[in-house]
Amino acid sequence: MGDLSTSAGPIADTQDRSGILVGDSVRNSATAALAHLANTLNRSEPTRILPLTASLREDNPYRPRLARMLRSWSVNIRQRLQENRLPLLRYLTCEEEYVDAVRACRLSITGRFHGVCLNLVTGTPFISVTSNSWKIETLFQDVGLDSRRIVPQEKLSVDLVLGTDWSFSSTERANISTFLAETQRAAAAMFDALAA
């Protein structure tokens, strides 16, 4: 079955879409390239940089309370400094805010597997930069997506982004719908089996 992030099925598209959302990557070089691309894209179309994660680092609940507090304080300062340095960048506070932002944009560019998953769930046309593993490519095969959406970091350019129609083809839309329905069914069966 697909990733659990796709198991609730599609989220209804109820709003007008505009602008470009640029995410991040597990690779620092790709994240830096995406930020540079976002700044250039913003000259032609409103663009936002929104990392998929709500924080630079996940909190470790097994650390002593004081260590967690100091780490949280340190991460917050570093994030604010990054946001000051990159005016298009915002760290969101929760996953719901991220999903709402994805639903509102006309195009999403991501370097993360779960970024691709959330684009599928929200029906958002997207481009994915290659990552550090095979997961995104395998997800494309599982869903039946056009491989033109996976772009190597070095080939991602403003001309490619703005000069290409990234809308889903009718085949992709049908494949996404089938994939989400099957993932939803398989997840329900898995949880029923666990409960039994």
N, C-alpha and C. Protein backbone atom coordinates (compact mmCIF):
# COMPACT_ATOMS: atom_id res chain seq x y z
N MET A 1 0.84 -1.19 0.00
CA MET A 1 0.00 0.00 0.00
C MET A 1 0.87 1.24 0.00
N GLY A 2 0.28 2.37 -0.28
CA GLY A 2 1.02 3.62 -0.28
C GLY A 2 1.35 4.10 1.12
N ASP A 3 2.05 5.19 1.20
CA ASP A 3 2.41 5.79 2.48
C ASP A 3 1.14 6.20 3.24
N LEU A 4 1.19 6.12 4.56
CA LEU A 4 0.01 6.47 5.36
C LEU A 4 -0.41 7.93 5.18
N SER A 5 0.50 8.79 4.74
CA SER A 5 0.12 10.18 4.50
C SER A 5 -0.90 10.31 3.36
N THR A 6 -1.05 9.26 2.56
CA THR A 6 -2.03 9.26 1.47
C THR A 6 -3.25 8.42 1.79
N SER A 7 -3.31 7.84 2.99
CA SER A 7 -4.35 6.85 3.29
C SER A 7 -5.71 7.42 3.64
N ALA A 8 -5.82 8.72 3.89
CA ALA A 8 -7.13 9.30 4.17
C ALA A 8 -7.87 9.65 2.89
N GLY A 9 -7.20 9.47 1.75
CA GLY A 9 -7.82 9.78 0.47
C GLY A 9 -7.61 11.23 0.09
N PRO A 10 -8.23 11.65 -1.01
CA PRO A 10 -8.01 13.01 -1.49
C PRO A 10 -8.68 14.05 -0.59
N ILE A 11 -8.07 15.23 -0.55
CA ILE A 11 -8.66 16.39 0.14
C ILE A 11 -9.34 17.23 -0.93
N ALA A 12 -10.60 17.54 -0.72
CA ALA A 12 -11.36 18.28 -1.72
C ALA A 12 -10.70 19.62 -2.04
N ASP A 13 -10.69 19.95 -3.32
CA ASP A 13 -10.13 21.22 -3.78
C ASP A 13 -11.26 22.24 -3.79
N THR A 14 -11.25 23.16 -2.84
CA THR A 14 -12.38 24.08 -2.69
C THR A 14 -12.00 25.54 -2.88
N GLN A 15 -10.82 25.82 -3.37
CA GLN A 15 -10.41 27.22 -3.46
C GLN A 15 -9.66 27.49 -4.75
N ASP A 16 -9.58 28.78 -5.09
CA ASP A 16 -8.77 29.18 -6.23
C ASP A 16 -7.30 29.01 -5.87
N ARG A 17 -6.50 28.69 -6.87
CA ARG A 17 -5.08 28.47 -6.63
C ARG A 17 -4.28 29.59 -7.29
N SER A 18 -3.20 29.98 -6.62
CA SER A 18 -2.29 30.96 -7.22
C SER A 18 -0.92 30.85 -6.58
N GLY A 19 0.08 31.26 -7.31
CA GLY A 19 1.44 31.29 -6.79
C GLY A 19 2.12 29.94 -6.80
N ILE A 20 3.39 29.99 -6.44
CA ILE A 20 4.24 28.79 -6.43
C ILE A 20 4.74 28.56 -5.02
N LEU A 21 4.70 27.32 -4.59
CA LEU A 21 5.24 26.94 -3.29
C LEU A 21 6.51 26.13 -3.54
N VAL A 22 7.60 26.55 -2.94
CA VAL A 22 8.87 25.84 -3.09
C VAL A 22 9.21 25.25 -1.73
N GLY A 23 9.43 23.94 -1.70
CA GLY A 23 9.75 23.26 -0.45
C GLY A 23 11.24 23.09 -0.26
N ASP A 24 11.59 22.05 0.45
CA ASP A 24 12.99 21.78 0.75
C ASP A 24 13.32 20.36 0.34
N SER A 25 14.49 19.91 0.75
CA SER A 25 14.97 18.58 0.40
C SER A 25 15.75 18.03 1.59
N VAL A 26 15.93 16.73 1.61
CA VAL A 26 16.80 16.14 2.63
C VAL A 26 18.25 16.45 2.34
N ARG A 27 18.55 16.84 1.08
CA ARG A 27 19.91 17.22 0.71
C ARG A 27 20.07 18.73 0.83
N ASN A 28 21.06 19.18 1.59
CA ASN A 28 21.27 20.61 1.80
C ASN A 28 21.54 21.35 0.50
N SER A 29 22.28 20.73 -0.43
CA SER A 29 22.58 21.41 -1.69
C SER A 29 21.30 21.64 -2.49
N ALA A 30 20.39 20.67 -2.47
CA ALA A 30 19.12 20.83 -3.18
C ALA A 30 18.26 21.89 -2.51
N THR A 31 18.25 21.94 -1.17
CA THR A 31 17.48 22.96 -0.46
C THR A 31 17.99 24.35 -0.81
N ALA A 32 19.30 24.52 -0.87
CA ALA A 32 19.89 25.82 -1.23
C ALA A 32 19.52 26.18 -2.67
N ALA A 33 19.58 25.21 -3.58
CA ALA A 33 19.22 25.47 -4.98
C ALA A 33 17.74 25.83 -5.11
N LEU A 34 16.90 25.17 -4.34
CA LEU A 34 15.47 25.47 -4.37
C LEU A 34 15.19 26.88 -3.84
N ALA A 35 15.90 27.29 -2.80
CA ALA A 35 15.73 28.64 -2.26
C ALA A 35 16.16 29.69 -3.29
N HIS A 36 17.26 29.43 -3.98
CA HIS A 36 17.73 30.35 -5.02
C HIS A 36 16.69 30.42 -6.14
N LEU A 37 16.16 29.27 -6.55
CA LEU A 37 15.14 29.22 -7.59
C LEU A 37 13.91 30.02 -7.17
N ALA A 38 13.49 29.86 -5.91
CA ALA A 38 12.30 30.57 -5.41
C ALA A 38 12.49 32.07 -5.50
N ASN A 39 13.67 32.56 -5.11
CA ASN A 39 13.93 34.00 -5.17
C ASN A 39 13.85 34.51 -6.60
N THR A 40 14.33 33.72 -7.55
CA THR A 40 14.28 34.13 -8.95
C THR A 40 12.85 34.04 -9.49
N LEU A 41 12.13 32.98 -9.15
CA LEU A 41 10.74 32.82 -9.59
C LEU A 41 9.86 33.96 -9.07
N ASN A 42 10.15 34.42 -7.86
CA ASN A 42 9.33 35.45 -7.22
C ASN A 42 9.32 36.76 -8.02
N ARG A 43 10.29 36.95 -8.88
CA ARG A 43 10.31 38.15 -9.73
C ARG A 43 9.21 38.09 -10.79
N SER A 44 8.78 36.87 -11.14
CA SER A 44 7.75 36.69 -12.18
C SER A 44 6.39 36.31 -11.61
N GLU A 45 6.37 35.62 -10.49
CA GLU A 45 5.12 35.14 -9.91
C GLU A 45 5.29 35.00 -8.40
N PRO A 46 4.27 35.36 -7.62
CA PRO A 46 4.40 35.22 -6.16
C PRO A 46 4.82 33.81 -5.76
N THR A 47 5.89 33.72 -4.98
CA THR A 47 6.48 32.43 -4.60
C THR A 47 6.77 32.44 -3.12
N ARG A 48 6.55 31.29 -2.48
CA ARG A 48 6.83 31.12 -1.06
C ARG A 48 7.78 29.95 -0.87
N ILE A 49 8.65 30.03 0.14
CA ILE A 49 9.50 28.91 0.51
C ILE A 49 8.95 28.37 1.83
N LEU A 50 8.45 27.14 1.78
CA LEU A 50 7.88 26.52 2.97
C LEU A 50 8.48 25.13 3.16
N PRO A 51 9.39 24.97 4.11
CA PRO A 51 9.90 23.62 4.40
C PRO A 51 8.78 22.70 4.84
N LEU A 52 8.89 21.45 4.49
CA LEU A 52 7.88 20.46 4.87
C LEU A 52 7.81 20.27 6.37
N THR A 53 8.95 20.34 7.03
CA THR A 53 8.98 20.14 8.47
C THR A 53 8.70 21.45 9.20
N ALA A 54 8.06 21.36 10.34
CA ALA A 54 7.71 22.56 11.11
C ALA A 54 8.92 23.14 11.82
N SER A 55 10.01 22.40 11.88
CA SER A 55 11.20 22.85 12.61
C SER A 55 12.45 22.37 11.89
N LEU A 56 13.56 23.02 12.17
CA LEU A 56 14.84 22.56 11.63
C LEU A 56 15.15 21.14 12.09
N ARG A 57 14.81 20.83 13.31
CA ARG A 57 15.11 19.51 13.89
C ARG A 57 13.93 19.05 14.74
N GLU A 58 13.71 17.76 14.71
CA GLU A 58 12.68 17.18 15.57
C GLU A 58 13.16 17.14 17.01
N ASP A 59 12.25 17.33 17.92
CA ASP A 59 12.59 17.30 19.34
C ASP A 59 12.69 15.85 19.81
N ASN A 60 13.69 15.54 20.61
CA ASN A 60 13.87 14.20 21.15
C ASN A 60 13.21 14.16 22.53
N PRO A 61 12.09 13.45 22.67
CA PRO A 61 11.37 13.45 23.95
C PRO A 61 12.11 12.73 25.08
N TYR A 62 13.20 12.02 24.76
CA TYR A 62 13.94 11.28 25.77
C TYR A 62 15.08 12.08 26.38
N ARG A 63 15.34 13.26 25.87
CA ARG A 63 16.36 14.13 26.46
C ARG A 63 15.81 14.77 27.72
N PRO A 64 16.71 15.18 28.61
CA PRO A 64 16.24 15.88 29.82
C PRO A 64 15.49 17.16 29.44
N ARG A 65 14.57 17.56 30.29
CA ARG A 65 13.71 18.71 30.01
C ARG A 65 14.51 19.98 29.72
N LEU A 66 15.53 20.25 30.50
CA LEU A 66 16.34 21.45 30.30
C LEU A 66 17.02 21.41 28.92
N ALA A 67 17.55 20.26 28.54
CA ALA A 67 18.20 20.12 27.24
C ALA A 67 17.20 20.36 26.11
N ARG A 68 15.97 19.87 26.27
CA ARG A 68 14.95 20.09 25.25
C ARG A 68 14.57 21.56 25.16
N MET A 69 14.47 22.23 26.30
CA MET A 69 14.14 23.65 26.31
C MET A 69 15.23 24.47 25.63
N LEU A 70 16.50 24.17 25.94
CA LEU A 70 17.61 24.89 25.32
C LEU A 70 17.65 24.65 23.81
N ARG A 71 17.42 23.40 23.44
CA ARG A 71 17.42 23.06 22.01
C ARG A 71 16.29 23.79 21.30
N SER A 72 15.11 23.81 21.88
CA SER A 72 13.97 24.49 21.29
C SER A 72 14.27 25.98 21.11
N TRP A 73 14.84 26.58 22.12
CA TRP A 73 15.20 28.00 22.07
C TRP A 73 16.22 28.24 20.96
N SER A 74 17.24 27.38 20.88
CA SER A 74 18.28 27.50 19.86
C SER A 74 17.70 27.35 18.45
N VAL A 75 16.83 26.36 18.26
CA VAL A 75 16.22 26.12 16.95
C VAL A 75 15.35 27.31 16.55
N ASN A 76 14.58 27.84 17.50
CA ASN A 76 13.73 28.99 17.18
C ASN A 76 14.55 30.19 16.73
N ILE A 77 15.66 30.44 17.41
CA ILE A 77 16.53 31.56 17.01
C ILE A 77 17.10 31.32 15.61
N ARG A 78 17.58 30.11 15.36
CA ARG A 78 18.15 29.80 14.04
C ARG A 78 17.10 29.94 12.94
N GLN A 79 15.88 29.49 13.21
CA GLN A 79 14.82 29.61 12.21
C GLN A 79 14.48 31.07 11.94
N ARG A 80 14.39 31.88 12.99
CA ARG A 80 14.09 33.31 12.79
C ARG A 80 15.21 33.99 12.00
N LEU A 81 16.47 33.62 12.27
CA LEU A 81 17.58 34.18 11.52
C LEU A 81 17.49 33.80 10.04
N GLN A 82 17.14 32.53 9.76
CA GLN A 82 16.98 32.09 8.38
C GLN A 82 15.84 32.85 7.71
N GLU A 83 14.73 33.03 8.42
CA GLU A 83 13.60 33.75 7.84
C GLU A 83 13.95 35.21 7.55
N ASN A 84 14.79 35.82 8.41
CA ASN A 84 15.23 37.19 8.16
C ASN A 84 16.16 37.26 6.94
N ARG A 85 16.98 36.23 6.79
CA ARG A 85 17.92 36.20 5.66
C ARG A 85 17.22 35.90 4.35
N LEU A 86 16.17 35.07 4.40
CA LEU A 86 15.40 34.69 3.21
C LEU A 86 13.95 35.13 3.40
N PRO A 87 13.58 36.31 2.95
CA PRO A 87 12.23 36.85 3.22
C PRO A 87 11.09 35.97 2.71
N LEU A 88 11.32 35.12 1.72
CA LEU A 88 10.26 34.25 1.21
C LEU A 88 10.04 33.01 2.09
N LEU A 89 10.97 32.75 3.01
CA LEU A 89 10.95 31.54 3.84
C LEU A 89 10.07 31.72 5.07
N ARG A 90 9.24 30.72 5.34
CA ARG A 90 8.47 30.66 6.57
C ARG A 90 8.45 29.22 7.08
N TYR A 91 8.73 29.06 8.36
CA TYR A 91 8.52 27.76 9.01
C TYR A 91 7.12 27.76 9.57
N LEU A 92 6.33 26.79 9.19
CA LEU A 92 4.96 26.71 9.68
C LEU A 92 4.93 25.96 11.00
N THR A 93 3.84 26.10 11.72
CA THR A 93 3.78 25.52 13.05
C THR A 93 3.20 24.11 13.08
N CYS A 94 2.51 23.71 12.01
CA CYS A 94 1.91 22.37 12.02
C CYS A 94 1.67 21.87 10.59
N GLU A 95 1.39 20.60 10.48
CA GLU A 95 1.17 19.97 9.18
C GLU A 95 -0.08 20.52 8.50
N GLU A 96 -1.10 20.86 9.28
CA GLU A 96 -2.34 21.38 8.72
C GLU A 96 -2.09 22.68 7.94
N GLU A 97 -1.24 23.55 8.49
CA GLU A 97 -0.89 24.79 7.79
C GLU A 97 -0.20 24.48 6.47
N TYR A 98 0.67 23.47 6.48
CA TYR A 98 1.39 23.10 5.26
C TYR A 98 0.41 22.59 4.20
N VAL A 99 -0.51 21.73 4.60
CA VAL A 99 -1.49 21.19 3.65
C VAL A 99 -2.34 22.32 3.08
N ASP A 100 -2.75 23.26 3.93
CA ASP A 100 -3.53 24.41 3.45
C ASP A 100 -2.74 25.23 2.43
N ALA A 101 -1.45 25.40 2.68
CA ALA A 101 -0.61 26.16 1.76
C ALA A 101 -0.47 25.43 0.42
N VAL A 102 -0.31 24.11 0.47
CA VAL A 102 -0.21 23.32 -0.76
C VAL A 102 -1.51 23.41 -1.55
N ARG A 103 -2.63 23.34 -0.86
CA ARG A 103 -3.94 23.42 -1.53
C ARG A 103 -4.17 24.77 -2.20
N ALA A 104 -3.49 25.81 -1.72
CA ALA A 104 -3.72 27.16 -2.24
C ALA A 104 -2.81 27.52 -3.41
N CYS A 105 -1.73 26.76 -3.64
CA CYS A 105 -0.79 27.14 -4.71
C CYS A 105 -1.17 26.46 -6.02
N ARG A 106 -0.72 27.06 -7.12
CA ARG A 106 -1.01 26.47 -8.43
C ARG A 106 0.05 25.45 -8.83
N LEU A 107 1.26 25.56 -8.20
CA LEU A 107 2.36 24.65 -8.50
C LEU A 107 3.23 24.50 -7.25
N SER A 108 3.64 23.28 -7.00
CA SER A 108 4.52 22.99 -5.87
C SER A 108 5.80 22.37 -6.40
N ILE A 109 6.92 22.79 -5.83
CA ILE A 109 8.22 22.21 -6.19
C ILE A 109 8.81 21.65 -4.89
N THR A 110 9.09 20.36 -4.87
CA THR A 110 9.55 19.74 -3.64
C THR A 110 10.70 18.77 -3.89
N GLY A 111 11.48 18.55 -2.84
CA GLY A 111 12.54 17.57 -2.89
C GLY A 111 12.32 16.48 -1.86
N ARG A 112 11.11 16.40 -1.34
CA ARG A 112 10.81 15.43 -0.28
C ARG A 112 9.72 14.45 -0.70
N PHE A 113 9.91 13.21 -0.30
CA PHE A 113 8.94 12.14 -0.57
C PHE A 113 7.56 12.52 -0.06
N HIS A 114 7.47 12.97 1.19
CA HIS A 114 6.16 13.31 1.75
C HIS A 114 5.59 14.59 1.13
N GLY A 115 6.46 15.42 0.59
CA GLY A 115 5.97 16.56 -0.18
C GLY A 115 5.20 16.08 -1.41
N VAL A 116 5.75 15.07 -2.10
CA VAL A 116 5.07 14.48 -3.25
C VAL A 116 3.74 13.87 -2.80
N CYS A 117 3.75 13.14 -1.68
CA CYS A 117 2.52 12.51 -1.17
C CYS A 117 1.43 13.55 -0.93
N LEU A 118 1.79 14.67 -0.29
CA LEU A 118 0.79 15.70 0.01
C LEU A 118 0.32 16.43 -1.24
N ASN A 119 1.16 16.52 -2.25
CA ASN A 119 0.71 17.07 -3.53
C ASN A 119 -0.33 16.14 -4.17
N LEU A 120 -0.12 14.84 -4.05
CA LEU A 120 -1.09 13.89 -4.60
C LEU A 120 -2.43 14.00 -3.89
N VAL A 121 -2.38 14.05 -2.57
CA VAL A 121 -3.60 14.11 -1.76
C VAL A 121 -4.40 15.38 -2.04
N THR A 122 -3.70 16.48 -2.26
CA THR A 122 -4.38 17.76 -2.48
C THR A 122 -4.64 18.05 -3.96
N GLY A 123 -4.18 17.16 -4.84
CA GLY A 123 -4.38 17.36 -6.26
C GLY A 123 -3.61 18.54 -6.82
N THR A 124 -2.45 18.81 -6.23
CA THR A 124 -1.64 19.97 -6.62
C THR A 124 -0.60 19.57 -7.66
N PRO A 125 -0.61 20.19 -8.84
CA PRO A 125 0.46 19.93 -9.81
C PRO A 125 1.81 20.24 -9.18
N PHE A 126 2.81 19.42 -9.49
CA PHE A 126 4.09 19.58 -8.82
C PHE A 126 5.25 19.15 -9.70
N ILE A 127 6.43 19.59 -9.25
CA ILE A 127 7.71 19.14 -9.79
C ILE A 127 8.48 18.59 -8.60
N SER A 128 9.19 17.50 -8.80
CA SER A 128 10.03 16.94 -7.73
C SER A 128 11.47 16.93 -8.18
N VAL A 129 12.35 17.43 -7.32
CA VAL A 129 13.77 17.27 -7.61
C VAL A 129 14.20 15.92 -7.07
N THR A 130 15.20 15.35 -7.69
CA THR A 130 15.69 14.05 -7.24
C THR A 130 16.18 14.16 -5.79
N SER A 131 16.06 13.07 -5.06
CA SER A 131 16.41 13.07 -3.64
C SER A 131 17.61 12.16 -3.40
N ASN A 132 17.80 11.79 -2.13
CA ASN A 132 18.97 10.97 -1.79
C ASN A 132 18.64 9.48 -1.79
N SER A 133 17.43 9.11 -2.19
CA SER A 133 17.07 7.69 -2.22
C SER A 133 16.15 7.43 -3.41
N TRP A 134 15.69 6.23 -3.52
CA TRP A 134 14.86 5.79 -4.64
C TRP A 134 13.37 5.97 -4.36
N LYS A 135 13.01 6.49 -3.17
CA LYS A 135 11.59 6.49 -2.76
C LYS A 135 10.69 7.29 -3.70
N ILE A 136 11.13 8.47 -4.11
CA ILE A 136 10.28 9.30 -4.97
C ILE A 136 10.07 8.62 -6.32
N GLU A 137 11.13 8.10 -6.90
CA GLU A 137 11.01 7.43 -8.19
C GLU A 137 10.07 6.22 -8.11
N THR A 138 10.18 5.47 -7.01
CA THR A 138 9.31 4.30 -6.82
C THR A 138 7.86 4.73 -6.65
N LEU A 139 7.63 5.82 -5.92
CA LEU A 139 6.28 6.34 -5.76
C LEU A 139 5.69 6.72 -7.12
N PHE A 140 6.50 7.34 -7.97
CA PHE A 140 6.04 7.69 -9.31
C PHE A 140 5.58 6.45 -10.06
N GLN A 141 6.37 5.36 -9.96
CA GLN A 141 6.00 4.12 -10.63
C GLN A 141 4.73 3.53 -10.03
N ASP A 142 4.63 3.53 -8.70
CA ASP A 142 3.45 2.97 -8.03
C ASP A 142 2.17 3.71 -8.42
N VAL A 143 2.26 5.03 -8.50
CA VAL A 143 1.08 5.84 -8.81
C VAL A 143 0.79 5.84 -10.31
N GLY A 144 1.83 5.87 -11.12
CA GLY A 144 1.66 6.00 -12.57
C GLY A 144 1.76 7.45 -13.01
N LEU A 145 2.74 8.16 -12.45
CA LEU A 145 2.96 9.57 -12.79
C LEU A 145 3.95 9.70 -13.94
N ASP A 146 3.82 10.78 -14.67
CA ASP A 146 4.74 11.07 -15.77
C ASP A 146 6.11 11.41 -15.19
N SER A 147 7.14 10.73 -15.65
CA SER A 147 8.48 10.91 -15.09
C SER A 147 9.08 12.28 -15.41
N ARG A 148 8.44 13.06 -16.30
CA ARG A 148 8.94 14.41 -16.59
C ARG A 148 8.89 15.29 -15.34
N ARG A 149 8.07 14.91 -14.37
CA ARG A 149 7.94 15.68 -13.13
C ARG A 149 9.15 15.54 -12.22
N ILE A 150 9.98 14.52 -12.43
CA ILE A 150 11.21 14.38 -11.65
C ILE A 150 12.33 15.06 -12.43
N VAL A 151 12.85 16.12 -11.85
CA VAL A 151 13.86 16.92 -12.54
C VAL A 151 15.14 16.91 -11.71
N PRO A 152 16.27 16.55 -12.31
CA PRO A 152 17.53 16.66 -11.57
C PRO A 152 17.78 18.11 -11.15
N GLN A 153 18.33 18.27 -9.98
CA GLN A 153 18.57 19.60 -9.41
C GLN A 153 19.25 20.54 -10.38
N GLU A 154 20.26 20.06 -11.08
CA GLU A 154 21.04 20.92 -11.98
C GLU A 154 20.26 21.35 -13.23
N LYS A 155 19.13 20.67 -13.53
CA LYS A 155 18.34 21.03 -14.71
C LYS A 155 17.11 21.88 -14.37
N LEU A 156 16.88 22.09 -13.10
CA LEU A 156 15.72 22.87 -12.67
C LEU A 156 16.01 24.35 -12.88
N SER A 157 15.22 25.00 -13.71
CA SER A 157 15.45 26.41 -14.03
C SER A 157 14.13 27.17 -14.07
N VAL A 158 14.22 28.49 -14.03
CA VAL A 158 13.02 29.33 -14.12
C VAL A 158 12.31 29.09 -15.44
N ASP A 159 13.07 29.00 -16.53
CA ASP A 159 12.47 28.77 -17.85
C ASP A 159 11.70 27.45 -17.88
N LEU A 160 12.27 26.40 -17.29
CA LEU A 160 11.59 25.11 -17.26
C LEU A 160 10.32 25.20 -16.42
N VAL A 161 10.42 25.82 -15.25
CA VAL A 161 9.26 25.90 -14.35
C VAL A 161 8.13 26.71 -14.99
N LEU A 162 8.44 27.90 -15.49
CA LEU A 162 7.40 28.79 -16.00
C LEU A 162 7.00 28.49 -17.44
N GLY A 163 7.87 27.82 -18.17
CA GLY A 163 7.59 27.55 -19.58
C GLY A 163 6.96 26.21 -19.86
N THR A 164 6.61 25.46 -18.82
CA THR A 164 6.03 24.13 -18.98
C THR A 164 4.67 24.08 -18.31
N ASP A 165 3.72 23.41 -18.95
CA ASP A 165 2.42 23.18 -18.33
C ASP A 165 2.54 21.94 -17.44
N TRP A 166 2.48 22.15 -16.13
CA TRP A 166 2.66 21.05 -15.17
C TRP A 166 1.34 20.45 -14.72
N SER A 167 0.24 20.85 -15.34
CA SER A 167 -1.06 20.27 -14.98
C SER A 167 -1.02 18.76 -15.14
N PHE A 168 -1.81 18.08 -14.33
CA PHE A 168 -1.89 16.62 -14.44
C PHE A 168 -2.62 16.26 -15.74
N SER A 169 -2.11 15.26 -16.43
CA SER A 169 -2.82 14.74 -17.60
C SER A 169 -4.04 13.96 -17.11
N SER A 170 -4.95 13.65 -18.01
CA SER A 170 -6.13 12.87 -17.62
C SER A 170 -5.71 11.49 -17.12
N THR A 171 -4.66 10.93 -17.71
CA THR A 171 -4.15 9.62 -17.26
C THR A 171 -3.59 9.73 -15.84
N GLU A 172 -2.81 10.79 -15.58
CA GLU A 172 -2.27 10.98 -14.23
C GLU A 172 -3.39 11.15 -13.22
N ARG A 173 -4.40 11.96 -13.55
CA ARG A 173 -5.52 12.18 -12.62
C ARG A 173 -6.21 10.86 -12.29
N ALA A 174 -6.45 10.06 -13.30
CA ALA A 174 -7.10 8.76 -13.08
C ALA A 174 -6.20 7.85 -12.24
N ASN A 175 -4.90 7.84 -12.52
CA ASN A 175 -3.96 7.01 -11.76
C ASN A 175 -3.87 7.45 -10.31
N ILE A 176 -3.85 8.76 -10.08
CA ILE A 176 -3.80 9.28 -8.71
C ILE A 176 -5.06 8.88 -7.95
N SER A 177 -6.20 9.03 -8.59
CA SER A 177 -7.47 8.66 -7.95
C SER A 177 -7.48 7.18 -7.57
N THR A 178 -7.05 6.33 -8.48
CA THR A 178 -6.99 4.88 -8.22
C THR A 178 -6.01 4.58 -7.09
N PHE A 179 -4.84 5.22 -7.12
CA PHE A 179 -3.82 4.99 -6.09
C PHE A 179 -4.33 5.40 -4.71
N LEU A 180 -4.94 6.58 -4.61
CA LEU A 180 -5.43 7.04 -3.32
C LEU A 180 -6.55 6.15 -2.79
N ALA A 181 -7.45 5.71 -3.67
CA ALA A 181 -8.53 4.81 -3.25
C ALA A 181 -7.97 3.48 -2.76
N GLU A 182 -6.99 2.95 -3.48
CA GLU A 182 -6.39 1.66 -3.08
C GLU A 182 -5.63 1.80 -1.77
N THR A 183 -4.90 2.90 -1.61
CA THR A 183 -4.16 3.12 -0.36
C THR A 183 -5.13 3.25 0.81
N GLN A 184 -6.22 3.95 0.59
CA GLN A 184 -7.23 4.12 1.64
C GLN A 184 -7.82 2.76 2.03
N ARG A 185 -8.13 1.94 1.04
CA ARG A 185 -8.69 0.61 1.30
C ARG A 185 -7.68 -0.27 2.04
N ALA A 186 -6.43 -0.25 1.57
CA ALA A 186 -5.40 -1.10 2.17
C ALA A 186 -5.08 -0.67 3.60
N ALA A 187 -5.06 0.64 3.85
CA ALA A 187 -4.80 1.13 5.21
C ALA A 187 -5.93 0.72 6.15
N ALA A 188 -7.17 0.83 5.69
CA ALA A 188 -8.31 0.42 6.52
C ALA A 188 -8.23 -1.07 6.84
N ALA A 189 -7.87 -1.88 5.83
CA ALA A 189 -7.73 -3.33 6.06
C ALA A 189 -6.61 -3.62 7.04
N MET A 190 -5.49 -2.88 6.93
CA MET A 190 -4.37 -3.08 7.85
C MET A 190 -4.77 -2.76 9.29
N PHE A 191 -5.44 -1.62 9.49
CA PHE A 191 -5.85 -1.25 10.84
C PHE A 191 -6.90 -2.21 11.39
N ASP A 192 -7.79 -2.70 10.54
CA ASP A 192 -8.77 -3.71 10.97
C ASP A 192 -8.07 -4.98 11.40
N ALA A 193 -7.03 -5.38 10.65
CA ALA A 193 -6.28 -6.59 11.00
C ALA A 193 -5.53 -6.40 12.32
N LEU A 194 -4.96 -5.22 12.53
CA LEU A 194 -4.26 -4.94 13.78
C LEU A 194 -5.24 -4.95 14.96
N ALA A 195 -6.42 -4.37 14.75
CA ALA A 195 -7.41 -4.31 15.83
C ALA A 195 -7.92 -5.72 16.18
N ALA A 196 -7.97 -6.59 15.15
CA ALA A 196 -8.45 -7.96 15.40
C ALA A 196 -7.40 -8.77 16.13
